[in-house]
Amino acid sequence: MPTLFTRIIQGELPGRFVWRDEHCVAFLSIQPIRPGHTLVVPRAEIDHWNDMPPELCAHVFEVARGLSQAMRRGFGCEKVGLSIVGLEVRHAHLHLMQLDEPGDMDFARQRKDVPAAEFDGAAETIRTALRELGFAARAQRID
């Protein structure tokens, strides 16, 4: 049975994508801790991040690095934190969150009722910053 993330990647379930390439995608978390909380997900269904082949792992982290630059540019945050948890969905993924204080990565602060307009605005902020950074081919409006 496909994972929740595979179903999002295949378009069976909605997702606000900010990045797509042949190896991975990135879309907004449906329960963000901060606006723009983004998940970087390999297309391959791999449960644990350290089981990814080295080339795929390197690619996923390089995409996360580019997205982090875009998030800092777009949201003006001090840093972008990266977290790997993987218990909620058994499909490897990286959480990227804007940080201005240590509590900005506290999963107890996840929001469940985020207005669609807030999601749309955060996604467009990231896409715009990606385009400004030269990632235009990957930052298309694709949701």
N, C-alpha and C. Protein backbone atom coordinates (compact mmCIF):
# COMPACT_ATOMS: atom_id res chain seq x y z
N MET A 1 0.84 -1.18 0.00
CA MET A 1 0.00 0.00 0.00
C MET A 1 0.89 1.26 0.00
N PRO A 2 0.62 2.21 -0.89
CA PRO A 2 1.46 3.41 -0.97
C PRO A 2 1.36 4.24 0.31
N THR A 3 2.46 4.93 0.63
CA THR A 3 2.45 5.80 1.80
C THR A 3 1.63 7.06 1.51
N LEU A 4 1.30 7.77 2.56
CA LEU A 4 0.60 9.05 2.43
C LEU A 4 1.38 9.98 1.50
N PHE A 5 2.70 10.02 1.65
CA PHE A 5 3.50 10.91 0.82
C PHE A 5 3.50 10.47 -0.64
N THR A 6 3.53 9.17 -0.90
CA THR A 6 3.46 8.70 -2.29
C THR A 6 2.13 9.12 -2.90
N ARG A 7 1.07 9.03 -2.14
CA ARG A 7 -0.25 9.43 -2.63
C ARG A 7 -0.28 10.93 -2.95
N ILE A 8 0.40 11.73 -2.14
CA ILE A 8 0.49 13.17 -2.43
C ILE A 8 1.32 13.39 -3.69
N ILE A 9 2.47 12.72 -3.79
CA ILE A 9 3.36 12.86 -4.94
C ILE A 9 2.62 12.48 -6.23
N GLN A 10 1.81 11.43 -6.18
CA GLN A 10 1.09 10.95 -7.36
C GLN A 10 -0.18 11.75 -7.65
N GLY A 11 -0.51 12.71 -6.80
CA GLY A 11 -1.67 13.55 -7.04
C GLY A 11 -2.98 12.99 -6.53
N GLU A 12 -2.95 11.86 -5.82
CA GLU A 12 -4.17 11.30 -5.25
C GLU A 12 -4.69 12.15 -4.09
N LEU A 13 -3.79 12.79 -3.39
CA LEU A 13 -4.13 13.68 -2.28
C LEU A 13 -3.51 15.04 -2.58
N PRO A 14 -4.14 16.11 -2.11
CA PRO A 14 -3.61 17.45 -2.40
C PRO A 14 -2.32 17.74 -1.66
N GLY A 15 -1.52 18.58 -2.25
CA GLY A 15 -0.29 19.05 -1.62
C GLY A 15 0.11 20.39 -2.23
N ARG A 16 0.69 21.24 -1.43
CA ARG A 16 1.18 22.53 -1.92
C ARG A 16 2.68 22.38 -2.16
N PHE A 17 3.00 22.03 -3.40
CA PHE A 17 4.39 21.76 -3.78
C PHE A 17 5.16 23.05 -4.00
N VAL A 18 6.42 23.03 -3.58
CA VAL A 18 7.32 24.16 -3.86
C VAL A 18 8.52 23.69 -4.68
N TRP A 19 8.69 22.39 -4.83
CA TRP A 19 9.83 21.82 -5.57
C TRP A 19 9.43 20.46 -6.13
N ARG A 20 9.86 20.20 -7.35
CA ARG A 20 9.72 18.87 -7.95
C ARG A 20 10.90 18.62 -8.85
N ASP A 21 11.47 17.44 -8.73
CA ASP A 21 12.45 16.98 -9.70
C ASP A 21 12.29 15.47 -9.82
N GLU A 22 13.16 14.85 -10.58
CA GLU A 22 13.00 13.41 -10.85
C GLU A 22 13.28 12.54 -9.62
N HIS A 23 13.93 13.08 -8.60
CA HIS A 23 14.31 12.28 -7.43
C HIS A 23 13.55 12.60 -6.15
N CYS A 24 13.08 13.84 -6.04
CA CYS A 24 12.39 14.22 -4.81
C CYS A 24 11.43 15.37 -5.07
N VAL A 25 10.61 15.63 -4.06
CA VAL A 25 9.67 16.75 -4.09
C VAL A 25 9.75 17.45 -2.74
N ALA A 26 9.19 18.65 -2.70
CA ALA A 26 9.03 19.35 -1.43
C ALA A 26 7.65 20.00 -1.44
N PHE A 27 6.95 19.84 -0.33
CA PHE A 27 5.62 20.44 -0.19
C PHE A 27 5.44 20.88 1.26
N LEU A 28 4.46 21.76 1.45
CA LEU A 28 4.22 22.29 2.78
C LEU A 28 3.59 21.23 3.69
N SER A 29 3.99 21.25 4.94
CA SER A 29 3.38 20.38 5.95
C SER A 29 1.94 20.82 6.17
N ILE A 30 1.02 19.87 6.31
CA ILE A 30 -0.38 20.24 6.58
C ILE A 30 -0.60 20.62 8.04
N GLN A 31 0.41 20.39 8.88
CA GLN A 31 0.35 20.80 10.28
C GLN A 31 1.63 21.57 10.61
N PRO A 32 1.74 22.79 10.06
CA PRO A 32 3.00 23.53 10.20
C PRO A 32 3.22 24.04 11.63
N ILE A 33 4.47 24.09 11.98
CA ILE A 33 4.86 24.73 13.24
C ILE A 33 4.98 26.23 13.00
N ARG A 34 5.55 26.61 11.87
CA ARG A 34 5.66 28.01 11.43
C ARG A 34 5.20 28.06 9.98
N PRO A 35 4.77 29.22 9.50
CA PRO A 35 4.41 29.32 8.08
C PRO A 35 5.59 28.89 7.21
N GLY A 36 5.31 28.13 6.18
CA GLY A 36 6.35 27.66 5.28
C GLY A 36 7.02 26.37 5.70
N HIS A 37 6.59 25.77 6.80
CA HIS A 37 7.14 24.47 7.25
C HIS A 37 7.04 23.50 6.07
N THR A 38 8.19 23.08 5.58
CA THR A 38 8.27 22.31 4.32
C THR A 38 8.85 20.93 4.57
N LEU A 39 8.34 19.96 3.83
CA LEU A 39 8.85 18.59 3.87
C LEU A 39 9.55 18.29 2.56
N VAL A 40 10.77 17.78 2.64
CA VAL A 40 11.51 17.34 1.46
C VAL A 40 11.46 15.82 1.47
N VAL A 41 10.90 15.24 0.40
CA VAL A 41 10.56 13.82 0.38
C VAL A 41 11.12 13.15 -0.88
N PRO A 42 11.89 12.08 -0.73
CA PRO A 42 12.30 11.35 -1.94
C PRO A 42 11.09 10.69 -2.59
N ARG A 43 11.10 10.57 -3.88
CA ARG A 43 9.99 9.89 -4.57
C ARG A 43 9.95 8.41 -4.20
N ALA A 44 11.10 7.81 -4.01
CA ALA A 44 11.18 6.40 -3.64
C ALA A 44 10.68 6.21 -2.21
N GLU A 45 9.89 5.18 -2.00
CA GLU A 45 9.39 4.87 -0.66
C GLU A 45 10.48 4.17 0.13
N ILE A 46 11.16 4.96 0.93
CA ILE A 46 12.22 4.45 1.79
C ILE A 46 11.84 4.88 3.20
N ASP A 47 11.75 3.94 4.12
CA ASP A 47 11.28 4.24 5.46
C ASP A 47 12.24 5.13 6.24
N HIS A 48 13.49 4.78 6.30
CA HIS A 48 14.46 5.48 7.15
C HIS A 48 15.43 6.27 6.28
N TRP A 49 15.70 7.52 6.65
CA TRP A 49 16.54 8.37 5.82
C TRP A 49 17.93 7.77 5.59
N ASN A 50 18.46 7.03 6.58
CA ASN A 50 19.82 6.50 6.37
C ASN A 50 19.83 5.22 5.54
N ASP A 51 18.67 4.79 5.06
CA ASP A 51 18.60 3.69 4.10
C ASP A 51 18.59 4.19 2.66
N MET A 52 18.55 5.51 2.47
CA MET A 52 18.59 6.04 1.11
C MET A 52 19.96 5.76 0.50
N PRO A 53 20.02 5.42 -0.78
CA PRO A 53 21.33 5.29 -1.42
C PRO A 53 22.09 6.62 -1.27
N PRO A 54 23.41 6.56 -1.16
CA PRO A 54 24.19 7.79 -0.92
C PRO A 54 23.90 8.92 -1.91
N GLU A 55 23.71 8.61 -3.19
CA GLU A 55 23.45 9.66 -4.19
C GLU A 55 22.12 10.33 -3.94
N LEU A 56 21.10 9.54 -3.59
CA LEU A 56 19.78 10.10 -3.31
C LEU A 56 19.81 10.92 -2.03
N CYS A 57 20.48 10.42 -1.02
CA CYS A 57 20.60 11.15 0.24
C CYS A 57 21.28 12.50 0.00
N ALA A 58 22.35 12.51 -0.75
CA ALA A 58 23.06 13.75 -1.05
C ALA A 58 22.14 14.72 -1.81
N HIS A 59 21.37 14.19 -2.75
CA HIS A 59 20.47 15.04 -3.53
C HIS A 59 19.39 15.65 -2.65
N VAL A 60 18.76 14.83 -1.81
CA VAL A 60 17.69 15.32 -0.93
C VAL A 60 18.22 16.42 -0.02
N PHE A 61 19.41 16.24 0.53
CA PHE A 61 19.99 17.26 1.40
C PHE A 61 20.39 18.50 0.61
N GLU A 62 20.82 18.35 -0.63
CA GLU A 62 21.15 19.51 -1.45
C GLU A 62 19.89 20.30 -1.78
N VAL A 63 18.79 19.62 -2.06
CA VAL A 63 17.51 20.30 -2.29
C VAL A 63 17.10 21.03 -1.01
N ALA A 64 17.26 20.38 0.13
CA ALA A 64 16.93 21.02 1.41
C ALA A 64 17.77 22.28 1.62
N ARG A 65 19.03 22.23 1.22
CA ARG A 65 19.91 23.40 1.35
C ARG A 65 19.39 24.56 0.51
N GLY A 66 19.01 24.28 -0.74
CA GLY A 66 18.46 25.33 -1.60
C GLY A 66 17.16 25.90 -1.07
N LEU A 67 16.30 25.01 -0.58
CA LEU A 67 15.03 25.47 0.01
C LEU A 67 15.27 26.30 1.26
N SER A 68 16.26 25.92 2.05
CA SER A 68 16.60 26.69 3.24
C SER A 68 17.01 28.11 2.87
N GLN A 69 17.81 28.24 1.82
CA GLN A 69 18.21 29.57 1.36
C GLN A 69 16.98 30.38 0.94
N ALA A 70 16.07 29.73 0.23
CA ALA A 70 14.85 30.41 -0.22
C ALA A 70 13.98 30.81 0.97
N MET A 71 13.87 29.96 1.96
CA MET A 71 13.05 30.26 3.12
C MET A 71 13.64 31.45 3.90
N ARG A 72 14.95 31.47 4.07
CA ARG A 72 15.58 32.61 4.76
C ARG A 72 15.34 33.89 3.99
N ARG A 73 15.48 33.81 2.69
CA ARG A 73 15.26 34.99 1.86
C ARG A 73 13.80 35.44 1.91
N GLY A 74 12.88 34.50 1.76
CA GLY A 74 11.47 34.83 1.67
C GLY A 74 10.83 35.25 2.99
N PHE A 75 11.22 34.60 4.07
CA PHE A 75 10.58 34.88 5.36
C PHE A 75 11.42 35.78 6.27
N GLY A 76 12.68 36.00 5.91
CA GLY A 76 13.53 36.86 6.72
C GLY A 76 13.84 36.29 8.10
N CYS A 77 13.82 34.99 8.23
CA CYS A 77 14.10 34.36 9.52
C CYS A 77 15.60 34.31 9.77
N GLU A 78 15.96 34.12 11.02
CA GLU A 78 17.38 34.06 11.38
C GLU A 78 18.05 32.81 10.79
N LYS A 79 17.39 31.66 10.92
CA LYS A 79 17.92 30.39 10.40
C LYS A 79 16.76 29.53 9.93
N VAL A 80 17.10 28.44 9.25
CA VAL A 80 16.12 27.41 8.92
C VAL A 80 16.61 26.13 9.56
N GLY A 81 15.77 25.56 10.40
CA GLY A 81 16.13 24.32 11.07
C GLY A 81 15.73 23.12 10.24
N LEU A 82 16.45 22.03 10.43
CA LEU A 82 16.18 20.78 9.74
C LEU A 82 15.99 19.70 10.80
N SER A 83 14.91 18.95 10.65
CA SER A 83 14.63 17.86 11.59
C SER A 83 14.24 16.62 10.80
N ILE A 84 14.70 15.48 11.27
CA ILE A 84 14.32 14.20 10.68
C ILE A 84 13.68 13.39 11.80
N VAL A 85 12.40 13.12 11.65
CA VAL A 85 11.70 12.36 12.68
C VAL A 85 11.26 11.03 12.08
N GLY A 86 10.30 11.06 11.16
CA GLY A 86 9.93 9.88 10.41
C GLY A 86 9.03 8.87 11.10
N LEU A 87 8.48 9.23 12.25
CA LEU A 87 7.58 8.28 12.92
C LEU A 87 6.14 8.42 12.46
N GLU A 88 5.76 9.63 12.07
CA GLU A 88 4.37 9.88 11.70
C GLU A 88 4.02 9.32 10.33
N VAL A 89 4.96 9.32 9.40
CA VAL A 89 4.77 8.73 8.07
C VAL A 89 6.03 7.93 7.78
N ARG A 90 5.87 6.66 7.48
CA ARG A 90 7.01 5.76 7.24
C ARG A 90 7.53 5.90 5.82
N HIS A 91 7.95 7.13 5.50
CA HIS A 91 8.51 7.47 4.20
C HIS A 91 9.49 8.58 4.52
N ALA A 92 10.76 8.36 4.29
CA ALA A 92 11.81 9.31 4.68
C ALA A 92 11.43 10.73 4.26
N HIS A 93 11.69 11.69 5.14
CA HIS A 93 11.44 13.09 4.83
C HIS A 93 12.17 14.00 5.80
N LEU A 94 12.51 15.17 5.30
CA LEU A 94 13.17 16.19 6.09
C LEU A 94 12.18 17.31 6.36
N HIS A 95 12.12 17.77 7.60
CA HIS A 95 11.31 18.94 7.95
C HIS A 95 12.21 20.16 7.90
N LEU A 96 11.78 21.20 7.20
CA LEU A 96 12.48 22.48 7.19
C LEU A 96 11.55 23.52 7.81
N MET A 97 12.05 24.24 8.82
CA MET A 97 11.23 25.23 9.51
C MET A 97 12.03 26.50 9.75
N GLN A 98 11.39 27.64 9.55
CA GLN A 98 12.07 28.90 9.84
C GLN A 98 12.25 29.04 11.34
N LEU A 99 13.42 29.55 11.73
CA LEU A 99 13.76 29.66 13.16
C LEU A 99 14.14 31.09 13.52
N ASP A 100 13.57 31.54 14.61
CA ASP A 100 13.99 32.79 15.24
C ASP A 100 14.25 32.58 16.72
N GLU A 101 13.78 31.44 17.24
CA GLU A 101 14.01 31.08 18.64
C GLU A 101 13.94 29.55 18.76
N PRO A 102 14.53 28.95 19.78
CA PRO A 102 14.57 27.48 19.89
C PRO A 102 13.20 26.81 19.84
N GLY A 103 12.18 27.43 20.39
CA GLY A 103 10.84 26.83 20.39
C GLY A 103 10.21 26.73 19.02
N ASP A 104 10.83 27.33 18.01
CA ASP A 104 10.27 27.30 16.66
C ASP A 104 10.34 25.92 16.02
N MET A 105 10.98 24.95 16.68
CA MET A 105 11.01 23.58 16.18
C MET A 105 10.26 22.62 17.10
N ASP A 106 9.45 23.14 17.97
CA ASP A 106 8.70 22.33 18.93
C ASP A 106 7.45 21.75 18.26
N PHE A 107 7.44 20.46 18.04
CA PHE A 107 6.32 19.83 17.34
C PHE A 107 5.01 19.92 18.12
N ALA A 108 5.07 20.25 19.39
CA ALA A 108 3.84 20.47 20.16
C ALA A 108 3.13 21.74 19.69
N ARG A 109 3.83 22.57 18.93
CA ARG A 109 3.26 23.83 18.43
C ARG A 109 2.67 23.69 17.03
N GLN A 110 2.52 22.47 16.53
CA GLN A 110 1.93 22.28 15.20
C GLN A 110 0.51 22.84 15.17
N ARG A 111 0.20 23.48 14.06
CA ARG A 111 -1.14 24.06 13.88
C ARG A 111 -1.96 23.15 12.99
N LYS A 112 -3.21 22.97 13.35
CA LYS A 112 -4.07 22.05 12.60
C LYS A 112 -5.09 22.76 11.70
N ASP A 113 -5.48 23.97 12.04
CA ASP A 113 -6.50 24.67 11.26
C ASP A 113 -5.94 25.91 10.59
N VAL A 114 -5.06 25.71 9.64
CA VAL A 114 -4.42 26.80 8.93
C VAL A 114 -5.29 27.19 7.74
N PRO A 115 -5.62 28.46 7.60
CA PRO A 115 -6.42 28.89 6.44
C PRO A 115 -5.68 28.63 5.12
N ALA A 116 -6.44 28.27 4.11
CA ALA A 116 -5.86 27.98 2.79
C ALA A 116 -5.04 29.15 2.28
N ALA A 117 -5.49 30.37 2.51
CA ALA A 117 -4.77 31.55 2.03
C ALA A 117 -3.37 31.64 2.66
N GLU A 118 -3.24 31.21 3.91
CA GLU A 118 -1.93 31.24 4.56
C GLU A 118 -0.99 30.22 3.91
N PHE A 119 -1.52 29.02 3.63
CA PHE A 119 -0.71 28.01 2.93
C PHE A 119 -0.28 28.54 1.56
N ASP A 120 -1.24 29.10 0.82
CA ASP A 120 -0.94 29.59 -0.53
C ASP A 120 0.11 30.69 -0.49
N GLY A 121 -0.01 31.60 0.47
CA GLY A 121 0.96 32.69 0.59
C GLY A 121 2.35 32.18 0.93
N ALA A 122 2.44 31.23 1.86
CA ALA A 122 3.74 30.68 2.25
C ALA A 122 4.38 29.94 1.07
N ALA A 123 3.59 29.16 0.34
CA ALA A 123 4.13 28.43 -0.81
C ALA A 123 4.64 29.40 -1.86
N GLU A 124 3.89 30.46 -2.12
CA GLU A 124 4.32 31.42 -3.14
C GLU A 124 5.56 32.19 -2.67
N THR A 125 5.68 32.45 -1.38
CA THR A 125 6.88 33.10 -0.86
C THR A 125 8.11 32.25 -1.15
N ILE A 126 7.99 30.94 -0.91
CA ILE A 126 9.12 30.04 -1.15
C ILE A 126 9.42 29.94 -2.64
N ARG A 127 8.38 29.78 -3.46
CA ARG A 127 8.59 29.68 -4.92
C ARG A 127 9.24 30.93 -5.48
N THR A 128 8.78 32.09 -5.04
CA THR A 128 9.34 33.35 -5.52
C THR A 128 10.83 33.44 -5.16
N ALA A 129 11.15 33.11 -3.91
CA ALA A 129 12.56 33.16 -3.48
C ALA A 129 13.39 32.14 -4.26
N LEU A 130 12.84 30.96 -4.52
CA LEU A 130 13.57 29.97 -5.32
C LEU A 130 13.88 30.52 -6.71
N ARG A 131 12.87 31.15 -7.33
CA ARG A 131 13.10 31.75 -8.66
C ARG A 131 14.18 32.82 -8.60
N GLU A 132 14.14 33.66 -7.55
CA GLU A 132 15.14 34.71 -7.40
C GLU A 132 16.55 34.13 -7.22
N LEU A 133 16.63 32.94 -6.65
CA LEU A 133 17.92 32.28 -6.42
C LEU A 133 18.38 31.43 -7.61
N GLY A 134 17.59 31.43 -8.70
CA GLY A 134 18.00 30.71 -9.90
C GLY A 134 17.44 29.31 -10.04
N PHE A 135 16.45 28.96 -9.25
CA PHE A 135 15.84 27.64 -9.32
C PHE A 135 14.50 27.68 -10.05
N ALA A 136 14.37 28.52 -11.05
CA ALA A 136 13.09 28.75 -11.71
C ALA A 136 12.46 27.46 -12.23
N ALA A 137 13.24 26.55 -12.77
CA ALA A 137 12.68 25.33 -13.35
C ALA A 137 12.02 24.45 -12.29
N ARG A 138 12.47 24.54 -11.06
CA ARG A 138 11.92 23.70 -9.99
C ARG A 138 10.87 24.41 -9.16
N ALA A 139 10.75 25.73 -9.31
CA ALA A 139 9.88 26.53 -8.45
C ALA A 139 8.60 26.94 -9.16
N GLN A 140 8.20 26.20 -10.16
CA GLN A 140 6.99 26.53 -10.87
C GLN A 140 5.77 26.34 -9.99
N ARG A 141 4.71 27.01 -10.33
CA ARG A 141 3.46 26.78 -9.61
C ARG A 141 2.93 25.44 -10.12
N ILE A 142 2.95 24.44 -9.24
CA ILE A 142 2.62 23.09 -9.68
C ILE A 142 1.57 22.43 -8.81
N ASP A 143 0.87 23.19 -7.99
CA ASP A 143 -0.16 22.54 -7.17
C ASP A 143 -1.53 22.88 -7.68
